[in-house]
């Protein structure tokens, strides 16, 4: 199953890439589809690409729903 998950941009790096915090795990992803995102923005991430900027409220709601769906209180999405 493939899921798009929320993450918070830590910082932009070179070549439209950026570091994104996924609940304590930092991954480098492509920001090529969202050239205007900045550190602190929440994004939806899928297969290594940031697809959409979302509000912090929407990110928290999505994380809560994912945790509820998978029955875990602590996951890589725990923030």
Foldseek 3Di string as FASTA:
>chain_A
DWDWAKWFFQAADPDQWTWTQQQNDIDIAHAVCPVPDGGGWMFTDTPRYTDGTDDPVVNVVRLVVVCVVVVHPDDSNHD
